[in-house]
Amino acid sequence: MSETKSIHVVIRGRVQGVFYRKWTQERARHHGIVGWVRNREDGAVEGVFSGPAEAVDALVAECRDGPPAARVEGIDITAADSVQGCDFEVTH
């Protein structure tokens, strides 16, 4: 059985107004990850990803590119508390 991993991410660059949150939700659900994603006032996108370590790492790798119109300049990653629930939400 896989180790569970929970992280907080802040994704910087051209990531708002380019379908980034919805794209992240779709990719997270594909990987079986729970958590959330939202826009920040500073133009970044942030979220919490929780699930099997391999799946979380795969999602982070995909987030480095993002959807076609995005331009990711960097991702800050810190440990997070485990997320309870069974879905991945876009919050406001």
Protein backbone atom coordinates (compact mmCIF):
# COMPACT_ATOMS: atom_id res chain seq x y z
CA MET A 1 0.00 0.00 0.00
CA SER A 2 1.23 3.46 -0.87
CA GLU A 3 2.25 6.11 1.62
CA THR A 4 -0.16 9.06 1.88
CA LYS A 5 1.24 12.53 1.17
CA SER A 6 -0.32 15.94 1.79
CA ILE A 7 1.19 19.18 0.50
CA HIS A 8 0.34 22.86 0.15
CA VAL A 9 1.33 24.34 -3.20
CA VAL A 10 1.59 27.91 -4.47
CA ILE A 11 1.90 28.07 -8.24
CA ARG A 12 3.26 31.31 -9.69
CA GLY A 13 3.30 32.69 -13.21
CA ARG A 14 0.52 33.18 -15.75
CA VAL A 15 -1.90 30.87 -13.94
CA GLN A 16 -5.09 32.90 -13.55
CA GLY A 17 -7.55 33.33 -16.40
CA VAL A 18 -6.13 30.31 -18.23
CA PHE A 19 -8.38 27.49 -16.91
CA TYR A 20 -5.70 26.47 -14.36
CA ARG A 21 -8.00 25.71 -11.40
CA LYS A 22 -10.46 23.61 -13.41
CA TRP A 23 -7.59 21.82 -15.15
CA THR A 24 -6.00 21.06 -11.76
CA GLN A 25 -9.31 19.72 -10.46
CA GLU A 26 -9.64 17.41 -13.47
CA ARG A 27 -6.06 16.14 -13.13
CA ALA A 28 -6.41 15.66 -9.35
CA ARG A 29 -9.58 13.64 -9.79
CA HIS A 30 -7.84 11.57 -12.47
CA HIS A 31 -5.06 10.75 -9.96
CA GLY A 32 -7.47 10.08 -7.06
CA ILE A 33 -6.25 13.09 -5.06
CA VAL A 34 -8.46 14.99 -2.60
CA GLY A 35 -8.06 18.63 -1.62
CA TRP A 36 -8.72 22.02 -3.11
CA VAL A 37 -7.40 24.77 -5.40
CA ARG A 38 -8.12 28.52 -5.54
CA ASN A 39 -6.88 31.84 -6.93
CA ARG A 40 -4.91 34.17 -4.69
CA GLU A 41 -5.06 37.96 -4.74
CA ASP A 42 -1.35 38.12 -5.70
CA GLY A 43 -2.04 36.36 -9.02
CA ALA A 44 -0.87 32.91 -7.90
CA VAL A 45 -2.92 29.75 -7.56
CA GLU A 46 -2.73 27.75 -4.33
CA GLY A 47 -4.03 24.40 -3.24
CA VAL A 48 -3.71 21.38 -1.03
CA PHE A 49 -3.16 17.94 -2.57
CA SER A 50 -3.61 14.79 -0.49
CA GLY A 51 -3.39 11.19 -1.61
CA PRO A 52 -0.98 8.42 -2.49
CA ALA A 53 2.55 9.86 -2.63
CA GLU A 54 3.12 8.74 -6.22
CA ALA A 55 -0.14 10.38 -7.35
CA VAL A 56 0.64 13.66 -5.55
CA ASP A 57 4.11 13.72 -7.12
CA ALA A 58 2.61 13.04 -10.56
CA LEU A 59 0.14 15.91 -10.16
CA VAL A 60 2.89 18.30 -9.09
CA ALA A 61 4.92 17.29 -12.15
CA GLU A 62 1.91 18.06 -14.38
CA CYS A 63 1.33 21.38 -12.59
CA ARG A 64 4.83 22.52 -13.60
CA ASP A 65 3.42 22.86 -17.14
CA GLY A 66 -0.29 23.35 -16.45
CA PRO A 67 -2.94 23.79 -19.15
CA PRO A 68 -1.89 25.00 -22.61
CA ALA A 69 -2.38 28.75 -22.00
CA ALA A 70 -0.52 28.78 -18.65
CA ARG A 71 3.09 29.80 -18.09
CA VAL A 72 4.30 28.42 -14.77
CA GLU A 73 7.29 30.25 -13.33
CA GLY A 74 7.60 28.25 -10.11
CA ILE A 75 5.90 26.11 -7.50
CA ASP A 76 6.44 26.45 -3.76
CA ILE A 77 5.70 23.24 -1.87
CA THR A 78 5.32 22.76 1.89
CA ALA A 79 3.94 19.94 4.01
CA ALA A 80 0.23 20.13 4.86
CA ASP A 81 -2.21 18.39 7.17
CA SER A 82 -4.09 15.51 5.61
CA VAL A 83 -7.32 16.48 3.86
CA GLN A 84 -10.51 14.76 4.90
CA GLY A 85 -13.12 14.03 2.28
CA CYS A 86 -13.44 12.28 -1.02
CA ASP A 87 -13.27 15.01 -3.67
CA PHE A 88 -11.11 17.78 -5.08
CA GLU A 89 -12.78 21.20 -5.06
CA VAL A 90 -12.24 24.54 -6.74
CA THR A 91 -12.79 27.15 -4.01
CA HIS A 92 -13.06 30.93 -4.16
